[in-house]
Amino acid sequence: VLLQQLATDTQKHMQSIHSRGGDVNELMGSMDAILAVWQFLENTLTVLGLTTFTKGSSLASSHDAKVAAAADTNETQLTVEESVNLLCTSIAQCRMDVRSKAIQARDQKHISQLEANPVLDWSDKARDMILPSLGKRLNDMPDGTFQISEWPLREQEQLRKRKEEEKKNKQEMERLAAEKAQKALIPPSEMFRGDEKYSKYDDEGVPTHDKGGEPLSKSARKKLLKMHGAQKKKYEKAMAAQTALQGNDDVSKQ
């Protein structure tokens, strides 16, 4: 009963503001109240073990007759899920109004982009955090309306894990690329220096003797010379890129 009352009262309040064309400040104040209701509802459902819902429904621009009727009267008894659907619609409607008014005010130069950012960030939070936590997906439509659909928490978890894996793979690729770029900056004359396997080097820094002082075999020297040649090409290419970058910086400063 409490959940029903919260949902219906919230919906009535939003309908009243929406019909009056309330300004951004009034809508943002309403969002504060709605977020408080959402937090209470989420905590209550968590305690009751009712954090997921199975009934399929689409709330594109209206909700079923039973839920709509509850916004006008307290006589209709709502289930927990119907109360959640009603609250989600209220949050989505408030978000749409706040977002559109903030964008309009920004575009008309009544507020700056910096002033609009907190409001837009707020609307993103409603879309990306609040409704998903209640098992709903909110999509902004091209005509400025919104659509709410079911988004089971297990599907969200699967998406989260996939994105985490993609992020890890991207970070690993970036790490390897950075490591490769760093190695390219090592002068070929220094690439073998400090290696305990060698004790003497030629003029170009290629090892000639092992750690025991014995001359390296022809095959070993050939392999090292090949590695040295490859590093020389990488180094020259990296140095040329750095020189070009430095030149571009100098031109931009002039």
C-alpha atoms as a PDB file:
ATOM      1  CA  VAL A   1       0.000   0.000   0.000  1.00  0.00           C
ATOM      2  CA  LEU A   2       2.853   2.378   0.856  1.00  0.00           C
ATOM      3  CA  LEU A   3       4.590   1.645  -2.422  1.00  0.00           C
ATOM      4  CA  GLN A   4       1.344   2.263  -4.287  1.00  0.00           C
ATOM      5  CA  GLN A   5       0.802   5.567  -2.493  1.00  0.00           C
ATOM      6  CA  LEU A   6       4.346   6.722  -3.240  1.00  0.00           C
ATOM      7  CA  ALA A   7       4.023   5.845  -6.908  1.00  0.00           C
ATOM      8  CA  THR A   8       0.591   7.423  -7.419  1.00  0.00           C
ATOM      9  CA  ASP A   9       1.445  10.604  -5.493  1.00  0.00           C
ATOM     10  CA  THR A  10       4.658  10.970  -7.477  1.00  0.00           C
ATOM     11  CA  GLN A  11       2.780  10.521 -10.742  1.00  0.00           C
ATOM     12  CA  LYS A  12       0.131  13.083  -9.742  1.00  0.00           C
ATOM     13  CA  HIS A  13       2.817  15.597  -8.837  1.00  0.00           C
ATOM     14  CA  MET A  14       4.620  15.169 -12.136  1.00  0.00           C
ATOM     15  CA  GLN A  15       1.396  15.394 -14.140  1.00  0.00           C
ATOM     16  CA  SER A  16       0.601  18.670 -12.398  1.00  0.00           C
ATOM     17  CA  ILE A  17       4.023  20.205 -13.163  1.00  0.00           C
ATOM     18  CA  HIS A  18       4.023  18.880 -16.710  1.00  0.00           C
ATOM     19  CA  SER A  19       0.590  20.372 -17.451  1.00  0.00           C
ATOM     20  CA  ARG A  20       1.705  23.763 -16.086  1.00  0.00           C
ATOM     21  CA  GLY A  21       4.960  23.728 -18.053  1.00  0.00           C
ATOM     22  CA  GLY A  22       7.112  24.149 -14.938  1.00  0.00           C
ATOM     23  CA  ASP A  23      10.536  25.722 -15.278  1.00  0.00           C
ATOM     24  CA  VAL A  24      13.903  23.999 -14.863  1.00  0.00           C
ATOM     25  CA  ASN A  25      14.272  24.892 -11.175  1.00  0.00           C
ATOM     26  CA  GLU A  26      10.872  23.435 -10.296  1.00  0.00           C
ATOM     27  CA  LEU A  27      11.563  20.302 -12.315  1.00  0.00           C
ATOM     28  CA  MET A  28      14.986  19.844 -10.702  1.00  0.00           C
ATOM     29  CA  GLY A  29      13.378  20.202  -7.290  1.00  0.00           C
ATOM     30  CA  SER A  30      10.901  17.527  -8.312  1.00  0.00           C
ATOM     31  CA  MET A  31      13.789  15.324  -9.411  1.00  0.00           C
ATOM     32  CA  ASP A  32      15.239  15.599  -5.897  1.00  0.00           C
ATOM     33  CA  ALA A  33      11.981  14.305  -4.468  1.00  0.00           C
ATOM     34  CA  ILE A  34      11.673  11.565  -7.084  1.00  0.00           C
ATOM     35  CA  LEU A  35      15.238  10.388  -6.466  1.00  0.00           C
ATOM     36  CA  ALA A  36      14.481  10.196  -2.753  1.00  0.00           C
ATOM     37  CA  VAL A  37      11.390   8.102  -3.502  1.00  0.00           C
ATOM     38  CA  TRP A  38      13.445   5.895  -5.809  1.00  0.00           C
ATOM     39  CA  GLN A  39      16.134   5.380  -3.149  1.00  0.00           C
ATOM     40  CA  PHE A  40      13.525   4.430  -0.574  1.00  0.00           C
ATOM     41  CA  LEU A  41      11.830   2.096  -3.019  1.00  0.00           C
ATOM     42  CA  GLU A  42      15.100   0.430  -4.030  1.00  0.00           C
ATOM     43  CA  ASN A  43      16.099  -0.103  -0.395  1.00  0.00           C
ATOM     44  CA  THR A  44      12.654  -1.493   0.443  1.00  0.00           C
ATOM     45  CA  LEU A  45      12.657  -3.899  -2.502  1.00  0.00           C
ATOM     46  CA  THR A  46      16.169  -5.039  -1.637  1.00  0.00           C
ATOM     47  CA  VAL A  47      15.146  -5.825   1.942  1.00  0.00           C
ATOM     48  CA  LEU A  48      12.094  -7.711   0.651  1.00  0.00           C
ATOM     49  CA  GLY A  49      14.191  -9.594  -1.910  1.00  0.00           C
ATOM     50  CA  LEU A  50      12.155  -8.154  -4.780  1.00  0.00           C
ATOM     51  CA  THR A  51      14.879  -6.474  -6.814  1.00  0.00           C
ATOM     52  CA  THR A  52      13.950  -8.108 -10.141  1.00  0.00           C
ATOM     53  CA  PHE A  53      10.656  -8.382 -12.014  1.00  0.00           C
ATOM     54  CA  THR A  54       9.470 -10.860 -14.599  1.00  0.00           C
ATOM     55  CA  LYS A  55       6.255  -9.363 -16.003  1.00  0.00           C
ATOM     56  CA  GLY A  56       6.882  -8.057 -19.523  1.00  0.00           C
ATOM     57  CA  SER A  57       5.546  -4.588 -20.321  1.00  0.00           C
ATOM     58  CA  SER A  58       6.383  -1.662 -22.593  1.00  0.00           C
ATOM     59  CA  LEU A  59       5.954   1.887 -21.340  1.00  0.00           C
ATOM     60  CA  ALA A  60       6.614   3.904 -24.476  1.00  0.00           C
ATOM     61  CA  SER A  61       4.356   6.912 -24.004  1.00  0.00           C
ATOM     62  CA  SER A  62       1.635   5.539 -21.721  1.00  0.00           C
ATOM     63  CA  HIS A  63       1.090   2.662 -19.317  1.00  0.00           C
ATOM     64  CA  ASP A  64      -1.708   0.146 -18.985  1.00  0.00           C
ATOM     65  CA  ALA A  65      -5.182   1.261 -17.930  1.00  0.00           C
ATOM     66  CA  LYS A  66      -4.830  -0.009 -14.399  1.00  0.00           C
ATOM     67  CA  VAL A  67      -1.646   1.975 -13.744  1.00  0.00           C
ATOM     68  CA  ALA A  68      -2.976   5.081 -15.503  1.00  0.00           C
ATOM     69  CA  ALA A  69      -6.154   4.968 -13.434  1.00  0.00           C
ATOM     70  CA  ALA A  70      -4.115   4.859 -10.251  1.00  0.00           C
ATOM     71  CA  ALA A  71      -2.700   8.264 -11.040  1.00  0.00           C
ATOM     72  CA  ASP A  72      -6.225   9.729 -10.794  1.00  0.00           C
ATOM     73  CA  THR A  73      -7.579   7.743  -7.870  1.00  0.00           C
ATOM     74  CA  ASN A  74      -6.273   5.800  -4.924  1.00  0.00           C
ATOM     75  CA  GLU A  75      -8.987   3.154  -5.230  1.00  0.00           C
ATOM     76  CA  THR A  76      -7.087   0.853  -7.599  1.00  0.00           C
ATOM     77  CA  GLN A  77      -4.718  -1.534  -5.868  1.00  0.00           C
ATOM     78  CA  LEU A  78      -1.308  -1.777  -7.563  1.00  0.00           C
ATOM     79  CA  THR A  79       1.167  -4.605  -7.397  1.00  0.00           C
ATOM     80  CA  VAL A  80       4.785  -3.897  -6.471  1.00  0.00           C
ATOM     81  CA  GLU A  81       5.809  -4.117 -10.108  1.00  0.00           C
ATOM     82  CA  GLU A  82       3.063  -1.788 -11.267  1.00  0.00           C
ATOM     83  CA  SER A  83       4.124   0.722  -8.626  1.00  0.00           C
ATOM     84  CA  VAL A  84       7.696   0.475  -9.893  1.00  0.00           C
ATOM     85  CA  ASN A  85       6.510   0.966 -13.480  1.00  0.00           C
ATOM     86  CA  LEU A  86       4.562   4.042 -12.432  1.00  0.00           C
ATOM     87  CA  LEU A  87       7.550   5.477 -10.594  1.00  0.00           C
ATOM     88  CA  CYS A  88       9.863   4.754 -13.536  1.00  0.00           C
ATOM     89  CA  THR A  89       7.519   6.639 -15.846  1.00  0.00           C
ATOM     90  CA  SER A  90       7.522   9.600 -13.464  1.00  0.00           C
ATOM     91  CA  ILE A  91      11.335   9.614 -13.354  1.00  0.00           C
ATOM     92  CA  ALA A  92      11.549   9.370 -17.143  1.00  0.00           C
ATOM     93  CA  GLN A  93       9.003  12.170 -17.645  1.00  0.00           C
ATOM     94  CA  CYS A  94      10.777  14.440 -15.172  1.00  0.00           C
ATOM     95  CA  ARG A  95      14.128  13.670 -16.793  1.00  0.00           C
ATOM     96  CA  MET A  96      12.795  14.456 -20.262  1.00  0.00           C
ATOM     97  CA  ASP A  97      11.331  17.786 -19.130  1.00  0.00           C
ATOM     98  CA  VAL A  98      14.460  18.804 -17.208  1.00  0.00           C
ATOM     99  CA  ARG A  99      16.763  17.802 -20.053  1.00  0.00           C
ATOM    100  CA  SER A 100      14.778  19.492 -22.823  1.00  0.00           C
ATOM    101  CA  LYS A 101      14.387  22.739 -20.879  1.00  0.00           C
ATOM    102  CA  ALA A 102      18.109  22.807 -20.009  1.00  0.00           C
ATOM    103  CA  ILE A 103      19.082  22.224 -23.659  1.00  0.00           C
ATOM    104  CA  GLN A 104      16.633  24.884 -24.817  1.00  0.00           C
ATOM    105  CA  ALA A 105      17.953  27.409 -22.261  1.00  0.00           C
ATOM    106  CA  ARG A 106      21.533  26.629 -23.312  1.00  0.00           C
ATOM    107  CA  ASP A 107      20.787  26.942 -27.024  1.00  0.00           C
ATOM    108  CA  GLN A 108      19.012  30.254 -26.459  1.00  0.00           C
ATOM    109  CA  LYS A 109      22.031  31.509 -24.476  1.00  0.00           C
ATOM    110  CA  HIS A 110      20.039  31.920 -21.247  1.00  0.00           C
ATOM    111  CA  ILE A 111      22.567  29.656 -19.515  1.00  0.00           C
ATOM    112  CA  SER A 112      26.096  28.574 -20.411  1.00  0.00           C
ATOM    113  CA  GLN A 113      27.239  25.054 -21.279  1.00  0.00           C
ATOM    114  CA  LEU A 114      28.971  24.957 -17.895  1.00  0.00           C
ATOM    115  CA  GLU A 115      25.681  25.724 -16.146  1.00  0.00           C
ATOM    116  CA  ALA A 116      23.816  23.169 -18.264  1.00  0.00           C
ATOM    117  CA  ASN A 117      26.272  20.344 -17.603  1.00  0.00           C
ATOM    118  CA  PRO A 118      25.067  19.457 -14.050  1.00  0.00           C
ATOM    119  CA  VAL A 119      21.494  19.142 -15.329  1.00  0.00           C
ATOM    120  CA  LEU A 120      22.543  17.011 -18.301  1.00  0.00           C
ATOM    121  CA  ASP A 121      24.741  14.868 -16.054  1.00  0.00           C
ATOM    122  CA  TRP A 122      21.746  14.424 -13.793  1.00  0.00           C
ATOM    123  CA  SER A 123      19.590  13.250 -16.681  1.00  0.00           C
ATOM    124  CA  ASP A 124      22.300  10.768 -17.699  1.00  0.00           C
ATOM    125  CA  LYS A 125      22.324   9.382 -14.151  1.00  0.00           C
ATOM    126  CA  ALA A 126      18.572   8.789 -14.308  1.00  0.00           C
ATOM    127  CA  ARG A 127      18.975   6.943 -17.625  1.00  0.00           C
ATOM    128  CA  ASP A 128      22.179   5.030 -16.904  1.00  0.00           C
ATOM    129  CA  MET A 129      21.904   4.248 -13.174  1.00  0.00           C
ATOM    130  CA  ILE A 130      18.463   4.704 -11.658  1.00  0.00           C
ATOM    131  CA  LEU A 131      16.167   2.968 -14.135  1.00  0.00           C
ATOM    132  CA  PRO A 132      18.614   0.114 -14.858  1.00  0.00           C
ATOM    133  CA  SER A 133      18.767  -0.594 -11.112  1.00  0.00           C
ATOM    134  CA  LEU A 134      14.994  -1.153 -11.288  1.00  0.00           C
ATOM    135  CA  GLY A 135      15.307  -3.469 -14.269  1.00  0.00           C
ATOM    136  CA  LYS A 136      14.330  -0.884 -16.901  1.00  0.00           C
ATOM    137  CA  ARG A 137      15.993   0.502 -20.020  1.00  0.00           C
ATOM    138  CA  LEU A 138      15.312   4.121 -21.016  1.00  0.00           C
ATOM    139  CA  ASN A 139      15.783   5.119 -24.652  1.00  0.00           C
ATOM    140  CA  ASP A 140      15.600   8.677 -25.959  1.00  0.00           C
ATOM    141  CA  MET A 141      13.580   8.764 -29.176  1.00  0.00           C
ATOM    142  CA  PRO A 142      14.333  11.040 -32.181  1.00  0.00           C
ATOM    143  CA  ASP A 143      11.069  12.952 -31.700  1.00  0.00           C
ATOM    144  CA  GLY A 144      12.032  13.977 -28.156  1.00  0.00           C
ATOM    145  CA  THR A 145       9.911  11.391 -26.359  1.00  0.00           C
ATOM    146  CA  PHE A 146      11.192   8.381 -24.435  1.00  0.00           C
ATOM    147  CA  GLN A 147      10.638   4.650 -24.315  1.00  0.00           C
ATOM    148  CA  ILE A 148      10.971   2.358 -21.301  1.00  0.00           C
ATOM    149  CA  SER A 149      11.429  -1.377 -21.746  1.00  0.00           C
ATOM    150  CA  GLU A 150      12.315  -4.324 -19.569  1.00  0.00           C
ATOM    151  CA  TRP A 151      16.035  -4.830 -18.895  1.00  0.00           C
ATOM    152  CA  PRO A 152      16.571  -7.790 -16.537  1.00  0.00           C
ATOM    153  CA  LEU A 153      19.423  -7.330 -14.101  1.00  0.00           C
ATOM    154  CA  ARG A 154      21.061 -10.550 -15.284  1.00  0.00           C
ATOM    155  CA  GLU A 155      21.324  -9.105 -18.810  1.00  0.00           C
ATOM    156  CA  GLN A 156      22.824  -5.930 -17.375  1.00  0.00           C
ATOM    157  CA  GLU A 157      25.389  -8.028 -15.517  1.00  0.00           C
ATOM    158  CA  GLN A 158      26.287  -9.876 -18.710  1.00  0.00           C
ATOM    159  CA  LEU A 159      26.711  -6.542 -20.515  1.00  0.00           C
ATOM    160  CA  ARG A 160      28.813  -5.168 -17.651  1.00  0.00           C
ATOM    161  CA  LYS A 161      31.124  -8.187 -17.735  1.00  0.00           C
ATOM    162  CA  ARG A 162      31.475  -7.955 -21.517  1.00  0.00           C
ATOM    163  CA  LYS A 163      32.352  -4.268 -21.321  1.00  0.00           C
ATOM    164  CA  GLU A 164      34.863  -4.947 -18.539  1.00  0.00           C
ATOM    165  CA  GLU A 165      36.500  -7.616 -20.680  1.00  0.00           C
ATOM    166  CA  GLU A 166      36.609  -5.262 -23.674  1.00  0.00           C
ATOM    167  CA  LYS A 167      38.120  -2.554 -21.466  1.00  0.00           C
ATOM    168  CA  LYS A 168      40.782  -4.938 -20.163  1.00  0.00           C
ATOM    169  CA  ASN A 169      41.659  -6.051 -23.696  1.00  0.00           C
ATOM    170  CA  LYS A 170      41.919  -2.425 -24.838  1.00  0.00           C
ATOM    171  CA  GLN A 171      44.143  -1.544 -21.877  1.00  0.00           C
ATOM    172  CA  GLU A 172      46.383  -4.537 -22.594  1.00  0.00           C
ATOM    173  CA  MET A 173      46.713  -3.538 -26.247  1.00  0.00           C
ATOM    174  CA  GLU A 174      47.544   0.023 -25.208  1.00  0.00           C
ATOM    175  CA  ARG A 175      50.111  -1.269 -22.713  1.00  0.00           C
ATOM    176  CA  LEU A 176      51.801  -3.437 -25.340  1.00  0.00           C
ATOM    177  CA  ALA A 177      51.794  -0.556 -27.837  1.00  0.00           C
ATOM    178  CA  ALA A 178      53.336   1.782 -25.256  1.00  0.00           C
ATOM    179  CA  GLU A 179      55.935  -0.840 -24.354  1.00  0.00           C
ATOM    180  CA  LYS A 180      56.789  -1.319 -28.027  1.00  0.00           C
ATOM    181  CA  ALA A 181      57.094   2.452 -28.544  1.00  0.00           C
ATOM    182  CA  GLN A 182      59.332   2.748 -25.486  1.00  0.00           C
ATOM    183  CA  LYS A 183      61.635  -0.026 -26.698  1.00  0.00           C
ATOM    184  CA  ALA A 184      61.929   1.722 -30.065  1.00  0.00           C
ATOM    185  CA  LEU A 185      63.511   4.705 -28.283  1.00  0.00           C
ATOM    186  CA  ILE A 186      66.459   2.624 -27.058  1.00  0.00           C
ATOM    187  CA  PRO A 187      69.582   3.471 -29.112  1.00  0.00           C
ATOM    188  CA  PRO A 188      70.843   0.337 -30.909  1.00  0.00           C
ATOM    189  CA  SER A 189      74.290   0.937 -29.402  1.00  0.00           C
ATOM    190  CA  GLU A 190      72.758   0.501 -25.927  1.00  0.00           C
ATOM    191  CA  MET A 191      70.316  -2.366 -26.493  1.00  0.00           C
ATOM    192  CA  PHE A 192      72.754  -5.080 -25.349  1.00  0.00           C
ATOM    193  CA  ARG A 193      74.577  -3.073 -22.700  1.00  0.00           C
ATOM    194  CA  GLY A 194      74.095  -4.345 -19.171  1.00  0.00           C
ATOM    195  CA  ASP A 195      73.214  -7.851 -20.285  1.00  0.00           C
ATOM    196  CA  GLU A 196      75.103 -10.298 -18.036  1.00  0.00           C
ATOM    197  CA  LYS A 197      75.524 -12.735 -20.922  1.00  0.00           C
ATOM    198  CA  TYR A 198      78.138 -10.519 -22.590  1.00  0.00           C
ATOM    199  CA  SER A 199      81.442  -8.978 -21.526  1.00  0.00           C
ATOM    200  CA  LYS A 200      82.766  -7.201 -24.627  1.00  0.00           C
ATOM    201  CA  TYR A 201      81.170  -5.232 -27.493  1.00  0.00           C
ATOM    202  CA  ASP A 202      82.227  -3.784 -30.865  1.00  0.00           C
ATOM    203  CA  ASP A 203      82.076  -0.078 -31.772  1.00  0.00           C
ATOM    204  CA  GLU A 204      78.346  -0.287 -32.545  1.00  0.00           C
ATOM    205  CA  GLY A 205      77.503  -1.976 -29.246  1.00  0.00           C
ATOM    206  CA  VAL A 206      77.057  -5.501 -30.610  1.00  0.00           C
ATOM    207  CA  PRO A 207      78.456  -8.193 -28.245  1.00  0.00           C
ATOM    208  CA  THR A 208      81.643  -9.947 -29.318  1.00  0.00           C
ATOM    209  CA  HIS A 209      82.427 -12.041 -26.205  1.00  0.00           C
ATOM    210  CA  ASP A 210      80.341 -14.000 -23.722  1.00  0.00           C
ATOM    211  CA  LYS A 211      80.392 -13.402 -19.940  1.00  0.00           C
ATOM    212  CA  GLY A 212      83.346 -15.763 -19.581  1.00  0.00           C
ATOM    213  CA  GLY A 213      85.423 -13.719 -22.016  1.00  0.00           C
ATOM    214  CA  GLU A 214      85.163 -16.261 -24.851  1.00  0.00           C
ATOM    215  CA  PRO A 215      84.521 -14.965 -28.399  1.00  0.00           C
ATOM    216  CA  LEU A 216      80.980 -15.513 -29.648  1.00  0.00           C
ATOM    217  CA  SER A 217      80.378 -17.970 -32.489  1.00  0.00           C
ATOM    218  CA  LYS A 218      79.692 -16.666 -35.994  1.00  0.00           C
ATOM    219  CA  SER A 219      76.044 -17.803 -35.811  1.00  0.00           C
ATOM    220  CA  ALA A 220      75.549 -16.022 -32.472  1.00  0.00           C
ATOM    221  CA  ARG A 221      77.113 -12.837 -33.825  1.00  0.00           C
ATOM    222  CA  LYS A 222      74.990 -13.044 -36.972  1.00  0.00           C
ATOM    223  CA  LYS A 223      71.829 -13.278 -34.866  1.00  0.00           C
ATOM    224  CA  LEU A 224      72.852 -10.317 -32.697  1.00  0.00           C
ATOM    225  CA  LEU A 225      73.764  -8.224 -35.736  1.00  0.00           C
ATOM    226  CA  LYS A 226      70.324  -8.908 -37.220  1.00  0.00           C
ATOM    227  CA  MET A 227      68.635  -7.815 -33.966  1.00  0.00           C
ATOM    228  CA  HIS A 228      70.860  -4.725 -33.890  1.00  0.00           C
ATOM    229  CA  GLY A 229      69.899  -3.821 -37.478  1.00  0.00           C
ATOM    230  CA  ALA A 230      66.185  -4.173 -36.733  1.00  0.00           C
ATOM    231  CA  GLN A 231      66.484  -1.984 -33.633  1.00  0.00           C
ATOM    232  CA  LYS A 232      68.423   0.619 -35.638  1.00  0.00           C
ATOM    233  CA  LYS A 233      65.530   0.942 -38.112  1.00  0.00           C
ATOM    234  CA  LYS A 234      62.965   1.243 -35.303  1.00  0.00           C
ATOM    235  CA  TYR A 235      65.062   3.803 -33.493  1.00  0.00           C
ATOM    236  CA  GLU A 236      65.597   5.968 -36.589  1.00  0.00           C
ATOM    237  CA  LYS A 237      61.871   5.867 -37.340  1.00  0.00           C
ATOM    238  CA  ALA A 238      60.969   6.820 -33.747  1.00  0.00           C
ATOM    239  CA  MET A 239      63.489   9.687 -33.754  1.00  0.00           C
ATOM    240  CA  ALA A 240      62.138  10.985 -37.077  1.00  0.00           C
ATOM    241  CA  ALA A 241      58.595  10.947 -35.686  1.00  0.00           C
ATOM    242  CA  GLN A 242      59.695  12.840 -32.570  1.00  0.00           C
ATOM    243  CA  THR A 243      61.533  15.438 -34.663  1.00  0.00           C
ATOM    244  CA  ALA A 244      58.455  15.985 -36.845  1.00  0.00           C
ATOM    245  CA  LEU A 245      56.244  16.316 -33.758  1.00  0.00           C
ATOM    246  CA  GLN A 246      58.620  18.813 -32.204  1.00  0.00           C
ATOM    247  CA  GLY A 247      58.625  20.802 -35.450  1.00  0.00           C
ATOM    248  CA  ASN A 248      54.825  20.972 -35.458  1.00  0.00           C
ATOM    249  CA  ASP A 249      54.839  22.202 -31.858  1.00  0.00           C
ATOM    250  CA  ASP A 250      57.353  24.920 -32.676  1.00  0.00           C
ATOM    251  CA  VAL A 251      55.237  26.125 -35.621  1.00  0.00           C
ATOM    252  CA  SER A 252      52.066  26.250 -33.488  1.00  0.00           C
ATOM    253  CA  LYS A 253      53.841  28.385 -30.862  1.00  0.00           C
ATOM    254  CA  GLN A 254      54.926  30.996 -33.397  1.00  0.00           C
END
